Amino acid sequence: TDIPSDRITQARDCVIVQTPGCKNV
């Protein structure tokens, strides 16, 4: 896995929190 530093959704210390009713891409 090569993860660009500016692609935060794939940073290994990033937790994406999706809350009720959200729509996300």
PDB file of all heavy atoms in Angstrom:
ATOM      1  N   THR A   1       0.828  -1.200   0.000  1.00  0.00           N
ATOM      2  CA  THR A   1       0.000   0.000   0.000  1.00  0.00           C
ATOM      3  C   THR A   1       0.864   1.253   0.000  1.00  0.00           C
ATOM      4  O   THR A   1       1.713   1.435   0.868  1.00  0.00           O
ATOM      5  CB  THR A   1      -0.926   0.024   1.236  1.00  0.00           C
ATOM      6  OG1 THR A   1      -1.754  -1.128   1.194  1.00  0.00           O
ATOM      7  CG2 THR A   1      -1.790   1.269   1.241  1.00  0.00           C
ATOM      8  N   ASP A   2       0.666   2.096  -0.980  1.00  0.00           N
ATOM      9  CA  ASP A   2       1.352   3.385  -1.056  1.00  0.00           C
ATOM     10  C   ASP A   2       0.301   4.464  -0.877  1.00  0.00           C
ATOM     11  O   ASP A   2      -0.515   4.699  -1.762  1.00  0.00           O
ATOM     12  CB  ASP A   2       2.057   3.532  -2.412  1.00  0.00           C
ATOM     13  CG  ASP A   2       2.792   4.863  -2.531  1.00  0.00           C
ATOM     14  OD1 ASP A   2       3.080   5.463  -1.480  1.00  0.00           O
ATOM     15  OD2 ASP A   2       3.060   5.279  -3.666  1.00  0.00           O
ATOM     16  N   ILE A   3       0.302   5.118   0.269  1.00  0.00           N
ATOM     17  CA  ILE A   3      -0.754   6.074   0.593  1.00  0.00           C
ATOM     18  C   ILE A   3      -0.206   7.499   0.521  1.00  0.00           C
ATOM     19  O   ILE A   3       0.648   7.885   1.312  1.00  0.00           O
ATOM     20  CB  ILE A   3      -1.308   5.817   2.011  1.00  0.00           C
ATOM     21  CG1 ILE A   3      -1.812   4.379   2.113  1.00  0.00           C
ATOM     22  CG2 ILE A   3      -2.421   6.792   2.346  1.00  0.00           C
ATOM     23  CD1 ILE A   3      -2.209   3.978   3.504  1.00  0.00           C
ATOM     24  N   PRO A   4      -0.650   8.301  -0.445  1.00  0.00           N
ATOM     25  CA  PRO A   4      -0.203   9.691  -0.522  1.00  0.00           C
ATOM     26  C   PRO A   4      -0.506  10.435   0.772  1.00  0.00           C
ATOM     27  O   PRO A   4      -1.555  10.228   1.380  1.00  0.00           O
ATOM     28  CB  PRO A   4      -1.019  10.260  -1.695  1.00  0.00           C
ATOM     29  CG  PRO A   4      -1.429   9.063  -2.491  1.00  0.00           C
ATOM     30  CD  PRO A   4      -1.616   7.967  -1.488  1.00  0.00           C
ATOM     31  N   SER A   5       0.393  11.294   1.187  1.00  0.00           N
ATOM     32  CA  SER A   5       0.229  11.970   2.476  1.00  0.00           C
ATOM     33  C   SER A   5      -0.986  12.889   2.505  1.00  0.00           C
ATOM     34  O   SER A   5      -1.511  13.177   3.571  1.00  0.00           O
ATOM     35  CB  SER A   5       1.492  12.793   2.793  1.00  0.00           C
ATOM     36  OG  SER A   5       1.712  13.764   1.771  1.00  0.00           O
ATOM     37  N   ASP A   6      -1.447  13.361   1.344  1.00  0.00           N
ATOM     38  CA  ASP A   6      -2.580  14.282   1.335  1.00  0.00           C
ATOM     39  C   ASP A   6      -3.916  13.563   1.188  1.00  0.00           C
ATOM     40  O   ASP A   6      -4.960  14.192   1.146  1.00  0.00           O
ATOM     41  CB  ASP A   6      -2.427  15.325   0.214  1.00  0.00           C
ATOM     42  CG  ASP A   6      -2.293  14.670  -1.161  1.00  0.00           C
ATOM     43  OD1 ASP A   6      -2.176  13.435  -1.211  1.00  0.00           O
ATOM     44  OD2 ASP A   6      -2.304  15.405  -2.152  1.00  0.00           O
ATOM     45  N   ARG A   7      -3.902  12.250   1.089  1.00  0.00           N
ATOM     46  CA  ARG A   7      -5.150  11.502   0.982  1.00  0.00           C
ATOM     47  C   ARG A   7      -5.545  11.056   2.382  1.00  0.00           C
ATOM     48  O   ARG A   7      -5.305   9.939   2.812  1.00  0.00           O
ATOM     49  CB  ARG A   7      -4.983  10.317   0.040  1.00  0.00           C
ATOM     50  CG  ARG A   7      -6.304   9.614  -0.280  1.00  0.00           C
ATOM     51  CD  ARG A   7      -6.120   8.567  -1.363  1.00  0.00           C
ATOM     52  NE  ARG A   7      -5.962   9.152  -2.674  1.00  0.00           N
ATOM     53  CZ  ARG A   7      -5.833   8.445  -3.798  1.00  0.00           C
ATOM     54  NH1 ARG A   7      -5.835   7.142  -3.745  1.00  0.00           N
ATOM     55  NH2 ARG A   7      -5.697   9.051  -4.967  1.00  0.00           N
ATOM     56  N   ILE A   8      -6.154  11.962   3.125  1.00  0.00           N
ATOM     57  CA  ILE A   8      -6.352  11.730   4.548  1.00  0.00           C
ATOM     58  C   ILE A   8      -7.245  10.539   4.838  1.00  0.00           C
ATOM     59  O   ILE A   8      -7.096   9.890   5.871  1.00  0.00           O
ATOM     60  CB  ILE A   8      -6.925  12.986   5.245  1.00  0.00           C
ATOM     61  CG1 ILE A   8      -8.292  13.357   4.652  1.00  0.00           C
ATOM     62  CG2 ILE A   8      -5.966  14.137   5.159  1.00  0.00           C
ATOM     63  CD1 ILE A   8      -9.024  14.410   5.434  1.00  0.00           C
ATOM     64  N   THR A   9      -8.178  10.240   3.950  1.00  0.00           N
ATOM     65  CA  THR A   9      -9.081   9.133   4.228  1.00  0.00           C
ATOM     66  C   THR A   9      -8.364   7.790   4.197  1.00  0.00           C
ATOM     67  O   THR A   9      -8.927   6.791   4.620  1.00  0.00           O
ATOM     68  CB  THR A   9     -10.239   9.095   3.210  1.00  0.00           C
ATOM     69  OG1 THR A   9      -9.705   8.985   1.895  1.00  0.00           O
ATOM     70  CG2 THR A   9     -11.096  10.334   3.323  1.00  0.00           C
ATOM     71  N   GLN A  10      -7.113   7.759   3.721  1.00  0.00           N
ATOM     72  CA  GLN A  10      -6.356   6.520   3.705  1.00  0.00           C
ATOM     73  C   GLN A  10      -5.122   6.590   4.593  1.00  0.00           C
ATOM     74  O   GLN A  10      -4.276   5.711   4.548  1.00  0.00           O
ATOM     75  CB  GLN A  10      -5.956   6.174   2.267  1.00  0.00           C
ATOM     76  CG  GLN A  10      -7.136   5.916   1.345  1.00  0.00           C
ATOM     77  CD  GLN A  10      -8.064   4.854   1.887  1.00  0.00           C
ATOM     78  OE1 GLN A  10      -7.642   3.870   2.479  1.00  0.00           O
ATOM     79  NE2 GLN A  10      -9.364   5.051   1.718  1.00  0.00           N
ATOM     80  N   ALA A  11      -4.985   7.642   5.404  1.00  0.00           N
ATOM     81  CA  ALA A  11      -3.881   7.720   6.348  1.00  0.00           C
ATOM     82  C   ALA A  11      -4.091   6.675   7.436  1.00  0.00           C
ATOM     83  O   ALA A  11      -5.211   6.418   7.863  1.00  0.00           O
ATOM     84  CB  ALA A  11      -3.813   9.120   6.963  1.00  0.00           C
ATOM     85  N   ARG A  12      -3.023   6.073   7.893  1.00  0.00           N
ATOM     86  CA  ARG A  12      -3.150   4.953   8.824  1.00  0.00           C
ATOM     87  C   ARG A  12      -3.553   5.391  10.229  1.00  0.00           C
ATOM     88  O   ARG A  12      -3.927   4.557  11.049  1.00  0.00           O
ATOM     89  CB  ARG A  12      -1.837   4.177   8.861  1.00  0.00           C
ATOM     90  CG  ARG A  12      -1.573   3.467   7.541  1.00  0.00           C
ATOM     91  CD  ARG A  12      -0.189   2.884   7.452  1.00  0.00           C
ATOM     92  NE  ARG A  12       0.012   2.268   6.137  1.00  0.00           N
ATOM     93  CZ  ARG A  12       1.180   1.836   5.698  1.00  0.00           C
ATOM     94  NH1 ARG A  12       2.250   1.956   6.440  1.00  0.00           N
ATOM     95  NH2 ARG A  12       1.282   1.287   4.512  1.00  0.00           N
ATOM     96  N   ASP A  13      -3.467   6.659  10.517  1.00  0.00           N
ATOM     97  CA  ASP A  13      -3.900   7.136  11.839  1.00  0.00           C
ATOM     98  C   ASP A  13      -5.191   7.941  11.744  1.00  0.00           C
ATOM     99  O   ASP A  13      -5.567   8.652  12.668  1.00  0.00           O
ATOM    100  CB  ASP A  13      -2.812   7.976  12.498  1.00  0.00           C
ATOM    101  CG  ASP A  13      -2.397   9.173  11.646  1.00  0.00           C
ATOM    102  OD1 ASP A  13      -2.945   9.319  10.530  1.00  0.00           O
ATOM    103  OD2 ASP A  13      -1.536   9.944  12.088  1.00  0.00           O
ATOM    104  N   CYS A  14      -5.891   7.809  10.607  1.00  0.00           N
ATOM    105  CA  CYS A  14      -7.151   8.535  10.411  1.00  0.00           C
ATOM    106  C   CYS A  14      -8.328   7.592  10.647  1.00  0.00           C
ATOM    107  O   CYS A  14      -8.373   6.492  10.095  1.00  0.00           O
ATOM    108  CB  CYS A  14      -7.232   9.117   9.003  1.00  0.00           C
ATOM    109  SG  CYS A  14      -8.807   9.928   8.645  1.00  0.00           S
ATOM    110  N   VAL A  15      -9.279   8.039  11.476  1.00  0.00           N
ATOM    111  CA  VAL A  15     -10.517   7.304  11.696  1.00  0.00           C
ATOM    112  C   VAL A  15     -11.655   8.130  11.109  1.00  0.00           C
ATOM    113  O   VAL A  15     -11.883   9.265  11.515  1.00  0.00           O
ATOM    114  CB  VAL A  15     -10.784   7.062  13.196  1.00  0.00           C
ATOM    115  CG1 VAL A  15     -12.102   6.301  13.380  1.00  0.00           C
ATOM    116  CG2 VAL A  15      -9.629   6.298  13.827  1.00  0.00           C
ATOM    117  N   ILE A  16     -12.339   7.585  10.108  1.00  0.00           N
ATOM    118  CA  ILE A  16     -13.455   8.284   9.480  1.00  0.00           C
ATOM    119  C   ILE A  16     -14.719   7.958  10.277  1.00  0.00           C
ATOM    120  O   ILE A  16     -15.111   6.797  10.375  1.00  0.00           O
ATOM    121  CB  ILE A  16     -13.644   7.846   8.018  1.00  0.00           C
ATOM    122  CG1 ILE A  16     -12.324   7.945   7.250  1.00  0.00           C
ATOM    123  CG2 ILE A  16     -14.736   8.673   7.337  1.00  0.00           C
ATOM    124  CD1 ILE A  16     -12.357   7.278   5.893  1.00  0.00           C
ATOM    125  N   VAL A  17     -15.320   8.979  10.851  1.00  0.00           N
ATOM    126  CA  VAL A  17     -16.536   8.800  11.637  1.00  0.00           C
ATOM    127  C   VAL A  17     -17.718   9.291  10.804  1.00  0.00           C
ATOM    128  O   VAL A  17     -17.792  10.468  10.461  1.00  0.00           O
ATOM    129  CB  VAL A  17     -16.474   9.570  12.971  1.00  0.00           C
ATOM    130  CG1 VAL A  17     -17.731   9.312  13.801  1.00  0.00           C
ATOM    131  CG2 VAL A  17     -15.230   9.186  13.757  1.00  0.00           C
ATOM    132  N   GLN A  18     -18.621   8.376  10.461  1.00  0.00           N
ATOM    133  CA  GLN A  18     -19.805   8.729   9.688  1.00  0.00           C
ATOM    134  C   GLN A  18     -21.016   8.650  10.607  1.00  0.00           C
ATOM    135  O   GLN A  18     -21.293   7.602  11.187  1.00  0.00           O
ATOM    136  CB  GLN A  18     -19.945   7.783   8.485  1.00  0.00           C
ATOM    137  CG  GLN A  18     -18.742   7.908   7.549  1.00  0.00           C
ATOM    138  CD  GLN A  18     -18.740   6.883   6.440  1.00  0.00           C
ATOM    139  OE1 GLN A  18     -18.786   7.229   5.277  1.00  0.00           O
ATOM    140  NE2 GLN A  18     -18.669   5.620   6.790  1.00  0.00           N
ATOM    141  N   THR A  19     -21.701   9.773  10.745  1.00  0.00           N
ATOM    142  CA  THR A  19     -22.778   9.890  11.725  1.00  0.00           C
ATOM    143  C   THR A  19     -24.142   9.638  11.080  1.00  0.00           C
ATOM    144  O   THR A  19     -24.271   9.661   9.855  1.00  0.00           O
ATOM    145  CB  THR A  19     -22.747  11.290  12.370  1.00  0.00           C
ATOM    146  OG1 THR A  19     -22.875  12.285  11.336  1.00  0.00           O
ATOM    147  CG2 THR A  19     -21.448  11.521  13.124  1.00  0.00           C
ATOM    148  N   PRO A  20     -25.170   9.385  11.891  1.00  0.00           N
ATOM    149  CA  PRO A  20     -26.498   9.066  11.349  1.00  0.00           C
ATOM    150  C   PRO A  20     -26.997  10.104  10.349  1.00  0.00           C
ATOM    151  O   PRO A  20     -26.896  11.306  10.571  1.00  0.00           O
ATOM    152  CB  PRO A  20     -27.380   9.040  12.597  1.00  0.00           C
ATOM    153  CG  PRO A  20     -26.455   8.658  13.698  1.00  0.00           C
ATOM    154  CD  PRO A  20     -25.155   9.336  13.363  1.00  0.00           C
ATOM    155  N   GLY A  21     -27.520   9.611   9.219  1.00  0.00           N
ATOM    156  CA  GLY A  21     -28.077  10.495   8.205  1.00  0.00           C
ATOM    157  C   GLY A  21     -27.056  11.069   7.245  1.00  0.00           C
ATOM    158  O   GLY A  21     -27.427  11.804   6.319  1.00  0.00           O
ATOM    159  N   CYS A  22     -25.769  10.761   7.433  1.00  0.00           N
ATOM    160  CA  CYS A  22     -24.751  11.359   6.572  1.00  0.00           C
ATOM    161  C   CYS A  22     -24.711  10.687   5.211  1.00  0.00           C
ATOM    162  O   CYS A  22     -25.112   9.535   5.046  1.00  0.00           O
ATOM    163  CB  CYS A  22     -23.367  11.292   7.222  1.00  0.00           C
ATOM    164  SG  CYS A  22     -22.484   9.753   6.894  1.00  0.00           S
ATOM    165  N   LYS A  23     -24.219  11.428   4.220  1.00  0.00           N
ATOM    166  CA  LYS A  23     -23.947  10.892   2.894  1.00  0.00           C
ATOM    167  C   LYS A  23     -22.499  11.241   2.581  1.00  0.00           C
ATOM    168  O   LYS A  23     -22.114  12.398   2.652  1.00  0.00           O
ATOM    169  CB  LYS A  23     -24.896  11.487   1.857  1.00  0.00           C
ATOM    170  CG  LYS A  23     -26.346  11.050   2.042  1.00  0.00           C
ATOM    171  CD  LYS A  23     -27.235  11.591   0.944  1.00  0.00           C
ATOM    172  CE  LYS A  23     -28.672  11.112   1.130  1.00  0.00           C
ATOM    173  NZ  LYS A  23     -29.571  11.631   0.062  1.00  0.00           N
ATOM    174  N   ASN A  24     -21.725  10.230   2.246  1.00  0.00           N
ATOM    175  CA  ASN A  24     -20.303  10.451   2.074  1.00  0.00           C
ATOM    176  C   ASN A  24     -19.780   9.714   0.850  1.00  0.00           C
ATOM    177  O   ASN A  24     -20.294   8.663   0.477  1.00  0.00           O
ATOM    178  CB  ASN A  24     -19.545   9.962   3.322  1.00  0.00           C
ATOM    179  CG  ASN A  24     -18.047  10.206   3.225  1.00  0.00           C
ATOM    180  OD1 ASN A  24     -17.612  11.241   2.736  1.00  0.00           O
ATOM    181  ND2 ASN A  24     -17.262   9.258   3.682  1.00  0.00           N
ATOM    182  N   VAL A  25     -18.770  10.292   0.223  1.00  0.00           N
ATOM    183  CA  VAL A  25     -18.077   9.663  -0.898  1.00  0.00           C
ATOM    184  C   VAL A  25     -16.634   9.432  -0.471  1.00  0.00           C
ATOM    185  O   VAL A  25     -15.969  10.351  -0.001  1.00  0.00           O
ATOM    186  CB  VAL A  25     -18.100  10.552  -2.152  1.00  0.00           C
ATOM    187  CG1 VAL A  25     -17.303   9.900  -3.276  1.00  0.00           C
ATOM    188  CG2 VAL A  25     -19.523  10.817  -2.594  1.00  0.00           C
TER     189      VAL A  25
END
